[in-house]
Structures are given as C-alpha cells and as structure tokens.
Amino acid sequence: MYNIKFTKLALKDKKLLEKGKLIKNVNSLLTRIKKDPFCYPPSYEKLNVKYKMYSRRINSKHRLVYMVDESKKEIYVIRMWTHYEKI
C-alpha cells in the first residue's frame, strides 16, 4: 500500500472539488491508486516518464495528476482540478 501526499495546489483543488460535487469520484480514485497506482480500471495516461507523472480522468474536464515514488512507496498528488496541460 502506498502513502498519498498532496501538494498545496492539490489541497486548494480539493475545496473546488467539494463545491463541484466531484469529491466522491476523487476519493474513489485515491482509494484505488493507494493500493496500486497503475491499476485498471480506470485507465491512466503517462505524462512524463522521467518524473513518473500520471493522469486519471475525474470527469470529462478534470484530471487527477500524480507522481509515483516506487522506492518510498509514495504517491504525490499534484493537481485535481484542471486538465494536465495547465501544470
């Protein structure tokens, strides 16, 4: 099992998710990736191989963007309220 850590931007995004009633979707994704950050479904997209950044769809507009540190068994959630081009 992985530990999940959030950036300051991700914590700000959490407030927006609660207002937009998307927090339930995000919590479901976080539960799944906490067990295995590469599990299917839902599918994920590799954004940056060097930094091991990945994206999963929250809805048609927003993405959960995270990095994985295999050696420490940690997941760093970078954003949760935007499309990954704005990172």
C-alpha atoms as a PDB file:
ATOM      1  CA  MET A   1       0.000   0.000   0.000  1.00  0.00           C
ATOM      2  CA  TYR A   2       1.226   3.497  -0.892  1.00  0.00           C
ATOM      3  CA  ASN A   3       1.118   6.685   1.168  1.00  0.00           C
ATOM      4  CA  ILE A   4      -0.562   9.642  -0.511  1.00  0.00           C
ATOM      5  CA  LYS A   5       0.798  13.172  -0.128  1.00  0.00           C
ATOM      6  CA  PHE A   6      -0.782  16.323  -1.561  1.00  0.00           C
ATOM      7  CA  THR A   7       0.809  19.468  -2.960  1.00  0.00           C
ATOM      8  CA  LYS A   8      -0.521  22.870  -1.890  1.00  0.00           C
ATOM      9  CA  LEU A   9      -2.262  23.190  -5.251  1.00  0.00           C
ATOM     10  CA  ALA A  10      -3.944  19.809  -4.801  1.00  0.00           C
ATOM     11  CA  LEU A  11      -5.241  20.862  -1.381  1.00  0.00           C
ATOM     12  CA  LYS A  12      -6.708  24.012  -2.937  1.00  0.00           C
ATOM     13  CA  ASP A  13      -8.229  21.875  -5.673  1.00  0.00           C
ATOM     14  CA  LYS A  14      -9.918  19.739  -3.025  1.00  0.00           C
ATOM     15  CA  LYS A  15     -12.059  22.717  -1.979  1.00  0.00           C
ATOM     16  CA  LEU A  16     -13.145  23.211  -5.578  1.00  0.00           C
ATOM     17  CA  LEU A  17     -13.988  19.529  -5.883  1.00  0.00           C
ATOM     18  CA  GLU A  18     -16.211  19.716  -2.830  1.00  0.00           C
ATOM     19  CA  LYS A  19     -18.079  22.692  -4.310  1.00  0.00           C
ATOM     20  CA  GLY A  20     -18.374  20.922  -7.660  1.00  0.00           C
ATOM     21  CA  LYS A  21     -19.578  17.699  -6.028  1.00  0.00           C
ATOM     22  CA  LEU A  22     -16.744  15.702  -7.567  1.00  0.00           C
ATOM     23  CA  ILE A  23     -15.071  14.735  -4.290  1.00  0.00           C
ATOM     24  CA  LYS A  24     -16.742  11.314  -4.294  1.00  0.00           C
ATOM     25  CA  ASN A  25     -15.168  10.486  -7.676  1.00  0.00           C
ATOM     26  CA  VAL A  26     -11.754  11.641  -6.492  1.00  0.00           C
ATOM     27  CA  ASN A  27     -11.937   9.704  -3.243  1.00  0.00           C
ATOM     28  CA  SER A  28     -12.766   6.580  -5.230  1.00  0.00           C
ATOM     29  CA  LEU A  29      -9.727   7.146  -7.471  1.00  0.00           C
ATOM     30  CA  LEU A  30      -7.464   7.826  -4.492  1.00  0.00           C
ATOM     31  CA  THR A  31      -8.592   4.608  -2.809  1.00  0.00           C
ATOM     32  CA  ARG A  32      -7.771   2.623  -5.949  1.00  0.00           C
ATOM     33  CA  ILE A  33      -4.362   4.182  -6.595  1.00  0.00           C
ATOM     34  CA  LYS A  34      -3.398   3.894  -2.930  1.00  0.00           C
ATOM     35  CA  LYS A  35      -3.469   0.120  -3.385  1.00  0.00           C
ATOM     36  CA  ASP A  36      -1.874   0.175  -6.839  1.00  0.00           C
ATOM     37  CA  PRO A  37      -1.079   3.416  -8.721  1.00  0.00           C
ATOM     38  CA  PHE A  38      -1.099   1.517 -12.032  1.00  0.00           C
ATOM     39  CA  CYS A  39      -4.341  -0.444 -11.653  1.00  0.00           C
ATOM     40  CA  TYR A  40      -7.081  -0.735 -14.282  1.00  0.00           C
ATOM     41  CA  PRO A  41      -9.878   0.418 -14.497  1.00  0.00           C
ATOM     42  CA  PRO A  42      -9.932   3.337 -14.915  1.00  0.00           C
ATOM     43  CA  SER A  43      -7.099   3.747 -17.333  1.00  0.00           C
ATOM     44  CA  TYR A  44      -4.263   6.184 -16.765  1.00  0.00           C
ATOM     45  CA  GLU A  45      -2.068   8.203 -19.080  1.00  0.00           C
ATOM     46  CA  LYS A  46       1.692   8.652 -18.720  1.00  0.00           C
ATOM     47  CA  LEU A  47       2.508  12.340 -18.837  1.00  0.00           C
ATOM     48  CA  ASN A  48       6.214  12.361 -18.109  1.00  0.00           C
ATOM     49  CA  VAL A  49       8.348   9.232 -17.988  1.00  0.00           C
ATOM     50  CA  LYS A  50      11.327  10.932 -16.298  1.00  0.00           C
ATOM     51  CA  TYR A  51       9.287  12.198 -13.329  1.00  0.00           C
ATOM     52  CA  LYS A  52       6.817   9.307 -13.425  1.00  0.00           C
ATOM     53  CA  MET A  53       3.767  11.560 -13.724  1.00  0.00           C
ATOM     54  CA  TYR A  54       0.385  10.048 -14.493  1.00  0.00           C
ATOM     55  CA  SER A  55      -3.104  11.332 -15.124  1.00  0.00           C
ATOM     56  CA  ARG A  56      -6.516   9.797 -14.494  1.00  0.00           C
ATOM     57  CA  ARG A  57      -9.848  11.173 -15.565  1.00  0.00           C
ATOM     58  CA  ILE A  58     -12.123  12.567 -12.819  1.00  0.00           C
ATOM     59  CA  ASN A  59     -14.699  13.671 -15.381  1.00  0.00           C
ATOM     60  CA  SER A  60     -14.559  14.917 -18.965  1.00  0.00           C
ATOM     61  CA  LYS A  61     -12.889  18.177 -17.901  1.00  0.00           C
ATOM     62  CA  HIS A  62     -10.754  17.469 -14.815  1.00  0.00           C
ATOM     63  CA  ARG A  63      -7.851  15.120 -14.172  1.00  0.00           C
ATOM     64  CA  LEU A  64      -6.128  13.671 -11.136  1.00  0.00           C
ATOM     65  CA  VAL A  65      -2.401  14.176 -11.793  1.00  0.00           C
ATOM     66  CA  TYR A  66       0.124  12.380  -9.613  1.00  0.00           C
ATOM     67  CA  MET A  67       3.713  11.207  -9.359  1.00  0.00           C
ATOM     68  CA  VAL A  68       4.848   7.842  -8.030  1.00  0.00           C
ATOM     69  CA  ASP A  69       7.977   7.181  -5.983  1.00  0.00           C
ATOM     70  CA  GLU A  70       8.344   3.400  -6.002  1.00  0.00           C
ATOM     71  CA  SER A  71      11.322   3.353  -3.635  1.00  0.00           C
ATOM     72  CA  LYS A  72       9.439   5.197  -0.863  1.00  0.00           C
ATOM     73  CA  LYS A  73       6.017   3.750  -1.767  1.00  0.00           C
ATOM     74  CA  GLU A  74       4.587   7.271  -2.005  1.00  0.00           C
ATOM     75  CA  ILE A  75       2.167   8.974  -4.358  1.00  0.00           C
ATOM     76  CA  TYR A  76       2.321  12.754  -4.721  1.00  0.00           C
ATOM     77  CA  VAL A  77      -0.956  14.241  -5.911  1.00  0.00           C
ATOM     78  CA  ILE A  78      -0.091  17.340  -7.929  1.00  0.00           C
ATOM     79  CA  ARG A  79      -3.460  18.563  -9.208  1.00  0.00           C
ATOM     80  CA  MET A  80      -7.097  17.509  -9.053  1.00  0.00           C
ATOM     81  CA  TRP A  81      -8.970  20.376 -10.705  1.00  0.00           C
ATOM     82  CA  THR A  82      -7.616  21.007 -14.146  1.00  0.00           C
ATOM     83  CA  HIS A  83      -6.513  19.400 -17.332  1.00  0.00           C
ATOM     84  CA  TYR A  84      -2.861  18.389 -17.270  1.00  0.00           C
ATOM     85  CA  GLU A  85      -1.782  20.934 -19.894  1.00  0.00           C
ATOM     86  CA  LYS A  86      -2.057  23.627 -17.208  1.00  0.00           C
ATOM     87  CA  ILE A  87       0.554  22.058 -14.941  1.00  0.00           C
END
